[in-house]
Amino acid sequence: MPLVEVTLAEGRTPAQIRTLMHELHAAVVRAIDAAPPSVRVIVREVPPAHWSAGDVTLAERRGPGPASP
């Protein structure tokens, strides 16, 4: 049973996530001739403040957000 796991920073629409899941599923079916019902896809979304590279978070790279009231 193939399992594909993807971790993304938050910020995509539900439609974008659904399209990604569909395309990954189709790619696994094509690439390894997997039975479609056996393919599992998990997408995890992480807050930008919880993801860093080079000791800089994605939130920091994106700059300040909207001002707080």
PDB file of N, CA and C in Angstrom:
ATOM      1  N   MET A   1       0.847  -1.158   0.000  1.00  0.00           N
ATOM      2  CA  MET A   1       0.000   0.000   0.000  1.00  0.00           C
ATOM      3  C   MET A   1       0.903   1.235   0.000  1.00  0.00           C
ATOM      4  N   PRO A   2       1.029   1.941  -1.120  1.00  0.00           N
ATOM      5  CA  PRO A   2       1.866   3.136  -1.190  1.00  0.00           C
ATOM      6  C   PRO A   2       1.300   4.253  -0.316  1.00  0.00           C
ATOM      7  N   LEU A   3       2.210   4.949   0.360  1.00  0.00           N
ATOM      8  CA  LEU A   3       1.841   6.092   1.183  1.00  0.00           C
ATOM      9  C   LEU A   3       2.734   7.260   0.801  1.00  0.00           C
ATOM     10  N   VAL A   4       2.124   8.376   0.403  1.00  0.00           N
ATOM     11  CA  VAL A   4       2.845   9.597   0.064  1.00  0.00           C
ATOM     12  C   VAL A   4       2.519  10.621   1.140  1.00  0.00           C
ATOM     13  N   GLU A   5       3.562  11.191   1.754  1.00  0.00           N
ATOM     14  CA  GLU A   5       3.374  12.215   2.772  1.00  0.00           C
ATOM     15  C   GLU A   5       4.049  13.495   2.309  1.00  0.00           C
ATOM     16  N   VAL A   6       3.317  14.608   2.398  1.00  0.00           N
ATOM     17  CA  VAL A   6       3.825  15.906   1.972  1.00  0.00           C
ATOM     18  C   VAL A   6       3.616  16.889   3.119  1.00  0.00           C
ATOM     19  N   THR A   7       4.636  17.670   3.404  1.00  0.00           N
ATOM     20  CA  THR A   7       4.514  18.736   4.395  1.00  0.00           C
ATOM     21  C   THR A   7       4.712  20.064   3.691  1.00  0.00           C
ATOM     22  N   LEU A   8       3.771  20.979   3.905  1.00  0.00           N
ATOM     23  CA  LEU A   8       3.793  22.295   3.286  1.00  0.00           C
ATOM     24  C   LEU A   8       3.590  23.361   4.351  1.00  0.00           C
ATOM     25  N   ALA A   9       4.110  24.536   4.084  1.00  0.00           N
ATOM     26  CA  ALA A   9       3.761  25.675   4.925  1.00  0.00           C
ATOM     27  C   ALA A   9       2.309  26.040   4.629  1.00  0.00           C
ATOM     28  N   GLU A  10       1.578  26.449   5.646  1.00  0.00           N
ATOM     29  CA  GLU A  10       0.195  26.866   5.461  1.00  0.00           C
ATOM     30  C   GLU A  10       0.114  28.015   4.462  1.00  0.00           C
ATOM     31  N   GLY A  11      -1.028  28.103   3.804  1.00  0.00           N
ATOM     32  CA  GLY A  11      -1.229  29.230   2.917  1.00  0.00           C
ATOM     33  C   GLY A  11      -1.856  28.878   1.587  1.00  0.00           C
ATOM     34  N   ARG A  12      -2.098  27.611   1.338  1.00  0.00           N
ATOM     35  CA  ARG A  12      -2.748  27.225   0.091  1.00  0.00           C
ATOM     36  C   ARG A  12      -4.243  27.055   0.310  1.00  0.00           C
ATOM     37  N   THR A  13      -4.983  27.176  -0.757  1.00  0.00           N
ATOM     38  CA  THR A  13      -6.434  27.011  -0.658  1.00  0.00           C
ATOM     39  C   THR A  13      -6.774  25.525  -0.568  1.00  0.00           C
ATOM     40  N   PRO A  14      -7.967  25.218  -0.051  1.00  0.00           N
ATOM     41  CA  PRO A  14      -8.397  23.818  -0.052  1.00  0.00           C
ATOM     42  C   PRO A  14      -8.398  23.216  -1.466  1.00  0.00           C
ATOM     43  N   ALA A  15      -8.743  24.013  -2.461  1.00  0.00           N
ATOM     44  CA  ALA A  15      -8.743  23.508  -3.837  1.00  0.00           C
ATOM     45  C   ALA A  15      -7.328  23.160  -4.290  1.00  0.00           C
ATOM     46  N   GLN A  16      -6.341  23.963  -3.929  1.00  0.00           N
ATOM     47  CA  GLN A  16      -4.950  23.660  -4.288  1.00  0.00           C
ATOM     48  C   GLN A  16      -4.486  22.373  -3.610  1.00  0.00           C
ATOM     49  N   ILE A  17      -4.834  22.200  -2.353  1.00  0.00           N
ATOM     50  CA  ILE A  17      -4.445  20.979  -1.626  1.00  0.00           C
ATOM     51  C   ILE A  17      -5.115  19.772  -2.267  1.00  0.00           C
ATOM     52  N   ARG A  18      -6.369  19.896  -2.616  1.00  0.00           N
ATOM     53  CA  ARG A  18      -7.094  18.775  -3.233  1.00  0.00           C
ATOM     54  C   ARG A  18      -6.487  18.421  -4.583  1.00  0.00           C
ATOM     55  N   THR A  19      -6.112  19.429  -5.366  1.00  0.00           N
ATOM     56  CA  THR A  19      -5.469  19.187  -6.660  1.00  0.00           C
ATOM     57  C   THR A  19      -4.135  18.478  -6.456  1.00  0.00           C
ATOM     58  N   LEU A  20      -3.359  18.908  -5.481  1.00  0.00           N
ATOM     59  CA  LEU A  20      -2.089  18.254  -5.189  1.00  0.00           C
ATOM     60  C   LEU A  20      -2.307  16.784  -4.844  1.00  0.00           C
ATOM     61  N   MET A  21      -3.273  16.516  -3.988  1.00  0.00           N
ATOM     62  CA  MET A  21      -3.557  15.132  -3.607  1.00  0.00           C
ATOM     63  C   MET A  21      -3.946  14.290  -4.821  1.00  0.00           C
ATOM     64  N   HIS A  22      -4.787  14.851  -5.676  1.00  0.00           N
ATOM     65  CA  HIS A  22      -5.215  14.139  -6.889  1.00  0.00           C
ATOM     66  C   HIS A  22      -4.019  13.834  -7.793  1.00  0.00           C
ATOM     67  N   GLU A  23      -3.173  14.838  -8.020  1.00  0.00           N
ATOM     68  CA  GLU A  23      -2.019  14.653  -8.912  1.00  0.00           C
ATOM     69  C   GLU A  23      -1.012  13.660  -8.340  1.00  0.00           C
ATOM     70  N   LEU A  24      -0.774  13.703  -7.038  1.00  0.00           N
ATOM     71  CA  LEU A  24       0.136  12.733  -6.423  1.00  0.00           C
ATOM     72  C   LEU A  24      -0.422  11.319  -6.546  1.00  0.00           C
ATOM     73  N   HIS A  25      -1.716  11.176  -6.282  1.00  0.00           N
ATOM     74  CA  HIS A  25      -2.362   9.864  -6.412  1.00  0.00           C
ATOM     75  C   HIS A  25      -2.186   9.321  -7.827  1.00  0.00           C
ATOM     76  N   ALA A  26      -2.486  10.157  -8.818  1.00  0.00           N
ATOM     77  CA  ALA A  26      -2.375   9.725 -10.213  1.00  0.00           C
ATOM     78  C   ALA A  26      -0.937   9.365 -10.571  1.00  0.00           C
ATOM     79  N   ALA A  27       0.027  10.125 -10.067  1.00  0.00           N
ATOM     80  CA  ALA A  27       1.439   9.853 -10.368  1.00  0.00           C
ATOM     81  C   ALA A  27       1.874   8.510  -9.803  1.00  0.00           C
ATOM     82  N   VAL A  28       1.436   8.191  -8.588  1.00  0.00           N
ATOM     83  CA  VAL A  28       1.811   6.908  -7.990  1.00  0.00           C
ATOM     84  C   VAL A  28       1.178   5.757  -8.766  1.00  0.00           C
ATOM     85  N   VAL A  29      -0.075   5.907  -9.137  1.00  0.00           N
ATOM     86  CA  VAL A  29      -0.753   4.858  -9.912  1.00  0.00           C
ATOM     87  C   VAL A  29      -0.001   4.616 -11.222  1.00  0.00           C
ATOM     88  N   ARG A  30       0.372   5.705 -11.915  1.00  0.00           N
ATOM     89  CA  ARG A  30       1.093   5.573 -13.199  1.00  0.00           C
ATOM     90  C   ARG A  30       2.494   5.004 -13.010  1.00  0.00           C
ATOM     91  N   ALA A  31       3.220   5.521 -12.048  1.00  0.00           N
ATOM     92  CA  ALA A  31       4.637   5.181 -11.907  1.00  0.00           C
ATOM     93  C   ALA A  31       4.881   3.748 -11.478  1.00  0.00           C
ATOM     94  N   ILE A  32       4.042   3.237 -10.598  1.00  0.00           N
ATOM     95  CA  ILE A  32       4.317   1.879 -10.086  1.00  0.00           C
ATOM     96  C   ILE A  32       3.154   0.914 -10.311  1.00  0.00           C
ATOM     97  N   ASP A  33       2.203   1.331 -11.130  1.00  0.00           N
ATOM     98  CA  ASP A  33       1.051   0.491 -11.459  1.00  0.00           C
ATOM     99  C   ASP A  33       0.323   0.040 -10.197  1.00  0.00           C
ATOM    100  N   ALA A  34       0.189   0.982  -9.247  1.00  0.00           N
ATOM    101  CA  ALA A  34      -0.506   0.669  -7.993  1.00  0.00           C
ATOM    102  C   ALA A  34      -2.010   0.634  -8.231  1.00  0.00           C
ATOM    103  N   ALA A  35      -2.680  -0.193  -7.473  1.00  0.00           N
ATOM    104  CA  ALA A  35      -4.141  -0.204  -7.517  1.00  0.00           C
ATOM    105  C   ALA A  35      -4.639   1.107  -6.903  1.00  0.00           C
ATOM    106  N   PRO A  36      -5.458   1.857  -7.607  1.00  0.00           N
ATOM    107  CA  PRO A  36      -5.888   3.164  -7.094  1.00  0.00           C
ATOM    108  C   PRO A  36      -6.432   3.167  -5.666  1.00  0.00           C
ATOM    109  N   PRO A  37      -7.237   2.188  -5.260  1.00  0.00           N
ATOM    110  CA  PRO A  37      -7.744   2.232  -3.885  1.00  0.00           C
ATOM    111  C   PRO A  37      -6.662   2.028  -2.812  1.00  0.00           C
ATOM    112  N   SER A  38      -5.496   1.537  -3.236  1.00  0.00           N
ATOM    113  CA  SER A  38      -4.448   1.264  -2.252  1.00  0.00           C
ATOM    114  C   SER A  38      -3.545   2.468  -1.978  1.00  0.00           C
ATOM    115  N   VAL A  39      -3.656   3.517  -2.780  1.00  0.00           N
ATOM    116  CA  VAL A  39      -2.757   4.670  -2.648  1.00  0.00           C
ATOM    117  C   VAL A  39      -3.277   5.615  -1.574  1.00  0.00           C
ATOM    118  N   ARG A  40      -2.398   5.951  -0.636  1.00  0.00           N
ATOM    119  CA  ARG A  40      -2.726   6.881   0.443  1.00  0.00           C
ATOM    120  C   ARG A  40      -1.911   8.153   0.261  1.00  0.00           C
ATOM    121  N   VAL A  41      -2.537   9.305   0.469  1.00  0.00           N
ATOM    122  CA  VAL A  41      -1.843  10.591   0.383  1.00  0.00           C
ATOM    123  C   VAL A  41      -2.196  11.383   1.650  1.00  0.00           C
ATOM    124  N   ILE A  42      -1.173  11.872   2.326  1.00  0.00           N
ATOM    125  CA  ILE A  42      -1.354  12.696   3.517  1.00  0.00           C
ATOM    126  C   ILE A  42      -0.664  14.030   3.270  1.00  0.00           C
ATOM    127  N   VAL A  43      -1.389  15.114   3.499  1.00  0.00           N
ATOM    128  CA  VAL A  43      -0.815  16.455   3.390  1.00  0.00           C
ATOM    129  C   VAL A  43      -0.886  17.095   4.770  1.00  0.00           C
ATOM    130  N   ARG A  44       0.274  17.523   5.246  1.00  0.00           N
ATOM    131  CA  ARG A  44       0.342  18.223   6.527  1.00  0.00           C
ATOM    132  C   ARG A  44       0.692  19.679   6.252  1.00  0.00           C
ATOM    133  N   GLU A  45       0.000  20.572   6.925  1.00  0.00           N
ATOM    134  CA  GLU A  45       0.311  21.991   6.798  1.00  0.00           C
ATOM    135  C   GLU A  45       0.897  22.484   8.116  1.00  0.00           C
ATOM    136  N   VAL A  46       1.971  23.232   8.010  1.00  0.00           N
ATOM    137  CA  VAL A  46       2.701  23.727   9.166  1.00  0.00           C
ATOM    138  C   VAL A  46       2.638  25.252   9.167  1.00  0.00           C
ATOM    139  N   PRO A  47       2.389  25.867  10.321  1.00  0.00           N
ATOM    140  CA  PRO A  47       2.412  27.329  10.360  1.00  0.00           C
ATOM    141  C   PRO A  47       3.791  27.845   9.954  1.00  0.00           C
ATOM    142  N   PRO A  48       3.850  28.925   9.183  1.00  0.00           N
ATOM    143  CA  PRO A  48       5.142  29.459   8.734  1.00  0.00           C
ATOM    144  C   PRO A  48       6.105  29.773   9.882  1.00  0.00           C
ATOM    145  N   ALA A  49       5.572  30.087  11.054  1.00  0.00           N
ATOM    146  CA  ALA A  49       6.427  30.372  12.204  1.00  0.00           C
ATOM    147  C   ALA A  49       7.049  29.102  12.790  1.00  0.00           C
ATOM    148  N   HIS A  50       6.577  27.943  12.367  1.00  0.00           N
ATOM    149  CA  HIS A  50       7.086  26.665  12.878  1.00  0.00           C
ATOM    150  C   HIS A  50       8.008  25.962  11.884  1.00  0.00           C
ATOM    151  N   TRP A  51       8.461  26.663  10.863  1.00  0.00           N
ATOM    152  CA  TRP A  51       9.311  26.066   9.825  1.00  0.00           C
ATOM    153  C   TRP A  51      10.467  27.029   9.584  1.00  0.00           C
ATOM    154  N   SER A  52      11.677  26.519   9.710  1.00  0.00           N
ATOM    155  CA  SER A  52      12.825  27.402   9.464  1.00  0.00           C
ATOM    156  C   SER A  52      13.860  26.724   8.581  1.00  0.00           C
ATOM    157  N   ALA A  53      14.634  27.560   7.931  1.00  0.00           N
ATOM    158  CA  ALA A  53      15.781  27.127   7.141  1.00  0.00           C
ATOM    159  C   ALA A  53      16.862  28.171   7.356  1.00  0.00           C
ATOM    160  N   GLY A  54      18.051  27.736   7.706  1.00  0.00           N
ATOM    161  CA  GLY A  54      19.123  28.687   7.960  1.00  0.00           C
ATOM    162  C   GLY A  54      18.824  29.568   9.163  1.00  0.00           C
ATOM    163  N   ASP A  55      18.096  29.035  10.140  1.00  0.00           N
ATOM    164  CA  ASP A  55      17.737  29.736  11.375  1.00  0.00           C
ATOM    165  C   ASP A  55      16.838  30.947  11.132  1.00  0.00           C
ATOM    166  N   VAL A  56      16.109  30.944  10.023  1.00  0.00           N
ATOM    167  CA  VAL A  56      15.135  31.993   9.739  1.00  0.00           C
ATOM    168  C   VAL A  56      13.812  31.295   9.410  1.00  0.00           C
ATOM    169  N   THR A  57      12.754  31.668  10.124  1.00  0.00           N
ATOM    170  CA  THR A  57      11.469  31.025   9.845  1.00  0.00           C
ATOM    171  C   THR A  57      10.877  31.549   8.538  1.00  0.00           C
ATOM    172  N   LEU A  58       9.957  30.769   7.997  1.00  0.00           N
ATOM    173  CA  LEU A  58       9.274  31.227   6.791  1.00  0.00           C
ATOM    174  C   LEU A  58       8.494  32.506   7.072  1.00  0.00           C
ATOM    175  N   ALA A  59       7.925  32.616   8.261  1.00  0.00           N
ATOM    176  CA  ALA A  59       7.202  33.838   8.629  1.00  0.00           C
ATOM    177  C   ALA A  59       8.146  35.034   8.622  1.00  0.00           C
ATOM    178  N   GLU A  60       9.359  34.860   9.133  1.00  0.00           N
ATOM    179  CA  GLU A  60      10.337  35.950   9.145  1.00  0.00           C
ATOM    180  C   GLU A  60      10.749  36.320   7.718  1.00  0.00           C
ATOM    181  N   ARG A  61      10.902  35.337   6.858  1.00  0.00           N
ATOM    182  CA  ARG A  61      11.286  35.601   5.467  1.00  0.00           C
ATOM    183  C   ARG A  61      10.199  36.398   4.743  1.00  0.00           C
ATOM    184  N   ARG A  62       8.950  36.100   5.092  1.00  0.00           N
ATOM    185  CA  ARG A  62       7.824  36.766   4.424  1.00  0.00           C
ATOM    186  C   ARG A  62       7.643  38.200   4.911  1.00  0.00           C
ATOM    187  N   GLY A  63       8.241  38.522   6.015  1.00  0.00           N
ATOM    188  CA  GLY A  63       8.128  39.888   6.528  1.00  0.00           C
ATOM    189  C   GLY A  63       6.934  40.045   7.447  1.00  0.00           C
ATOM    190  N   PRO A  64       6.751  41.267   7.937  1.00  0.00           N
ATOM    191  CA  PRO A  64       5.660  41.510   8.886  1.00  0.00           C
ATOM    192  C   PRO A  64       4.305  41.319   8.242  1.00  0.00           C
ATOM    193  N   GLY A  65       3.402  40.759   9.019  1.00  0.00           N
ATOM    194  CA  GLY A  65       2.040  40.557   8.553  1.00  0.00           C
ATOM    195  C   GLY A  65       1.228  41.814   8.787  1.00  0.00           C
ATOM    196  N   PRO A  66      -0.082  41.690   8.660  1.00  0.00           N
ATOM    197  CA  PRO A  66      -0.952  42.833   8.894  1.00  0.00           C
ATOM    198  C   PRO A  66      -0.794  43.341  10.326  1.00  0.00           C
ATOM    199  N   ALA A  67      -0.933  44.628  10.522  1.00  0.00           N
ATOM    200  CA  ALA A  67      -0.801  45.216  11.846  1.00  0.00           C
ATOM    201  C   ALA A  67      -1.898  44.722  12.753  1.00  0.00           C
ATOM    202  N   SER A  68      -1.563  44.513  14.014  1.00  0.00           N
ATOM    203  CA  SER A  68      -2.551  44.088  15.008  1.00  0.00           C
ATOM    204  C   SER A  68      -3.370  45.290  15.456  1.00  0.00           C
ATOM    205  N   PRO A  69      -4.662  45.087  15.762  1.00  0.00           N
ATOM    206  CA  PRO A  69      -5.470  46.223  16.239  1.00  0.00           C
ATOM    207  C   PRO A  69      -5.076  46.645  17.631  1.00  0.00           C
TER     208      PRO A  69
END
